[in-house]
Amino acid sequence: MKKLVIFAIGSYSLLMVVSLVFAQASAGKLTAQVCSACHSTARICEKLGNRKPEVWLQTVERMKSNGAKLSAADVTTVTEYLATAKPGSKPVCQ
């Protein structure tokens, strides 16, 4: 019984890590797709790791007001991605 509980907890933890990795990859693809519709992602890539989340939120909201096709959920996803992505992160920095 103890081994079963340990296995269940380990499996659950592994699934959570995998889902976070896929969510981050999906957010990166969305960001690259939406942003590259109007300009090079090099503009974004050079700023990764150098801006606070509230500054990224202002930027994303400004881009949405300029015509970027983003839902409210997408604004949150893209902002969180940009605020946490490291310089050189793929797929934005390719």
C-alpha atoms as a PDB file:
ATOM      1  CA  MET A   1       0.000   0.000   0.000  1.00  0.00           C
ATOM      2  CA  LYS A   2       2.812   2.396   0.894  1.00  0.00           C
ATOM      3  CA  LYS A   3       4.496   1.781  -2.479  1.00  0.00           C
ATOM      4  CA  LEU A   4       1.224   2.489  -4.267  1.00  0.00           C
ATOM      5  CA  VAL A   5       0.845   5.835  -2.497  1.00  0.00           C
ATOM      6  CA  ILE A   6       4.443   6.787  -3.299  1.00  0.00           C
ATOM      7  CA  PHE A   7       3.922   5.761  -6.937  1.00  0.00           C
ATOM      8  CA  ALA A   8       0.695   7.791  -7.153  1.00  0.00           C
ATOM      9  CA  ILE A   9       2.320  10.895  -5.676  1.00  0.00           C
ATOM     10  CA  GLY A  10       5.341  10.533  -7.960  1.00  0.00           C
ATOM     11  CA  SER A  11       3.147  10.062 -11.031  1.00  0.00           C
ATOM     12  CA  TYR A  12       1.038  13.085 -10.148  1.00  0.00           C
ATOM     13  CA  SER A  13       4.150  15.226  -9.634  1.00  0.00           C
ATOM     14  CA  LEU A  14       5.567  14.115 -12.966  1.00  0.00           C
ATOM     15  CA  LEU A  15       2.303  14.948 -14.742  1.00  0.00           C
ATOM     16  CA  MET A  16       2.276  18.419 -13.190  1.00  0.00           C
ATOM     17  CA  VAL A  17       5.843  19.121 -14.357  1.00  0.00           C
ATOM     18  CA  VAL A  18       5.103  17.864 -17.866  1.00  0.00           C
ATOM     19  CA  SER A  19       1.941  19.960 -18.109  1.00  0.00           C
ATOM     20  CA  LEU A  20       3.845  23.080 -17.022  1.00  0.00           C
ATOM     21  CA  VAL A  21       6.504  22.465 -19.666  1.00  0.00           C
ATOM     22  CA  PHE A  22       3.866  22.052 -22.381  1.00  0.00           C
ATOM     23  CA  ALA A  23       1.980  25.131 -21.180  1.00  0.00           C
ATOM     24  CA  GLN A  24       5.171  27.213 -21.366  1.00  0.00           C
ATOM     25  CA  ALA A  25       5.894  25.915 -24.881  1.00  0.00           C
ATOM     26  CA  SER A  26       2.338  26.675 -25.964  1.00  0.00           C
ATOM     27  CA  ALA A  27       2.561  30.201 -24.526  1.00  0.00           C
ATOM     28  CA  GLY A  28       5.819  30.741 -26.400  1.00  0.00           C
ATOM     29  CA  LYS A  29       4.257  29.661 -29.686  1.00  0.00           C
ATOM     30  CA  LEU A  30       1.255  31.938 -29.134  1.00  0.00           C
ATOM     31  CA  THR A  31       3.556  34.851 -28.315  1.00  0.00           C
ATOM     32  CA  ALA A  32       5.740  34.295 -31.365  1.00  0.00           C
ATOM     33  CA  GLN A  33       2.708  33.934 -33.638  1.00  0.00           C
ATOM     34  CA  VAL A  34       0.847  37.015 -32.421  1.00  0.00           C
ATOM     35  CA  CYS A  35       3.849  39.318 -32.165  1.00  0.00           C
ATOM     36  CA  SER A  36       5.451  38.336 -35.460  1.00  0.00           C
ATOM     37  CA  ALA A  37       2.245  39.235 -37.283  1.00  0.00           C
ATOM     38  CA  CYS A  38       3.344  42.881 -37.090  1.00  0.00           C
ATOM     39  CA  HIS A  39       7.063  42.952 -36.374  1.00  0.00           C
ATOM     40  CA  SER A  40      10.183  40.883 -35.906  1.00  0.00           C
ATOM     41  CA  THR A  41      10.391  38.902 -32.697  1.00  0.00           C
ATOM     42  CA  ALA A  42      13.973  40.194 -32.368  1.00  0.00           C
ATOM     43  CA  ARG A  43      12.418  43.327 -30.811  1.00  0.00           C
ATOM     44  CA  ILE A  44      10.931  41.165 -28.099  1.00  0.00           C
ATOM     45  CA  CYS A  45      13.903  38.860 -27.692  1.00  0.00           C
ATOM     46  CA  GLU A  46      16.271  41.701 -26.854  1.00  0.00           C
ATOM     47  CA  LYS A  47      14.001  42.759 -23.974  1.00  0.00           C
ATOM     48  CA  LEU A  48      13.424  39.353 -22.370  1.00  0.00           C
ATOM     49  CA  GLY A  49      14.680  39.273 -18.812  1.00  0.00           C
ATOM     50  CA  ASN A  50      14.892  43.081 -18.631  1.00  0.00           C
ATOM     51  CA  ARG A  51      11.302  44.136 -17.952  1.00  0.00           C
ATOM     52  CA  LYS A  52       8.945  43.850 -15.022  1.00  0.00           C
ATOM     53  CA  PRO A  53       5.611  42.011 -15.488  1.00  0.00           C
ATOM     54  CA  GLU A  54       3.600  45.243 -15.271  1.00  0.00           C
ATOM     55  CA  VAL A  55       5.652  46.762 -18.102  1.00  0.00           C
ATOM     56  CA  TRP A  56       5.040  43.664 -20.254  1.00  0.00           C
ATOM     57  CA  LEU A  57       1.319  43.927 -19.472  1.00  0.00           C
ATOM     58  CA  GLN A  58       1.266  47.557 -20.623  1.00  0.00           C
ATOM     59  CA  THR A  59       3.099  46.565 -23.801  1.00  0.00           C
ATOM     60  CA  VAL A  60       0.776  43.647 -24.580  1.00  0.00           C
ATOM     61  CA  GLU A  61      -2.316  45.766 -23.928  1.00  0.00           C
ATOM     62  CA  ARG A  62      -0.929  48.497 -26.194  1.00  0.00           C
ATOM     63  CA  MET A  63      -0.297  45.952 -28.952  1.00  0.00           C
ATOM     64  CA  LYS A  64      -3.856  44.654 -28.530  1.00  0.00           C
ATOM     65  CA  SER A  65      -5.201  48.202 -28.885  1.00  0.00           C
ATOM     66  CA  ASN A  66      -3.077  48.500 -32.051  1.00  0.00           C
ATOM     67  CA  GLY A  67      -4.787  45.458 -33.534  1.00  0.00           C
ATOM     68  CA  ALA A  68      -3.085  42.343 -32.143  1.00  0.00           C
ATOM     69  CA  LYS A  69      -5.573  39.476 -32.166  1.00  0.00           C
ATOM     70  CA  LEU A  70      -5.626  38.562 -28.459  1.00  0.00           C
ATOM     71  CA  SER A  71      -8.425  37.461 -26.161  1.00  0.00           C
ATOM     72  CA  ALA A  72      -8.340  38.481 -22.503  1.00  0.00           C
ATOM     73  CA  ALA A  73      -6.960  35.030 -21.652  1.00  0.00           C
ATOM     74  CA  ASP A  74      -4.320  35.400 -24.372  1.00  0.00           C
ATOM     75  CA  VAL A  75      -3.219  38.752 -22.920  1.00  0.00           C
ATOM     76  CA  THR A  76      -2.598  37.021 -19.595  1.00  0.00           C
ATOM     77  CA  THR A  77      -0.819  34.077 -21.220  1.00  0.00           C
ATOM     78  CA  VAL A  78       1.457  36.235 -23.371  1.00  0.00           C
ATOM     79  CA  THR A  79       2.222  38.638 -20.523  1.00  0.00           C
ATOM     80  CA  GLU A  80       3.136  35.811 -18.151  1.00  0.00           C
ATOM     81  CA  TYR A  81       5.304  34.204 -20.813  1.00  0.00           C
ATOM     82  CA  LEU A  82       7.163  37.429 -21.566  1.00  0.00           C
ATOM     83  CA  ALA A  83       7.645  38.204 -17.878  1.00  0.00           C
ATOM     84  CA  THR A  84       9.183  34.795 -17.156  1.00  0.00           C
ATOM     85  CA  ALA A  85      10.991  33.918 -20.398  1.00  0.00           C
ATOM     86  CA  LYS A  86      14.764  33.965 -20.342  1.00  0.00           C
ATOM     87  CA  PRO A  87      16.851  35.754 -22.985  1.00  0.00           C
ATOM     88  CA  GLY A  88      17.198  33.490 -26.006  1.00  0.00           C
ATOM     89  CA  SER A  89      14.020  31.532 -25.230  1.00  0.00           C
ATOM     90  CA  LYS A  90      12.546  29.620 -28.146  1.00  0.00           C
ATOM     91  CA  PRO A  91      10.331  29.932 -30.096  1.00  0.00           C
ATOM     92  CA  VAL A  92      10.372  33.727 -29.729  1.00  0.00           C
ATOM     93  CA  CYS A  93      14.159  34.003 -30.095  1.00  0.00           C
ATOM     94  CA  GLN A  94      14.888  31.883 -33.159  1.00  0.00           C
END
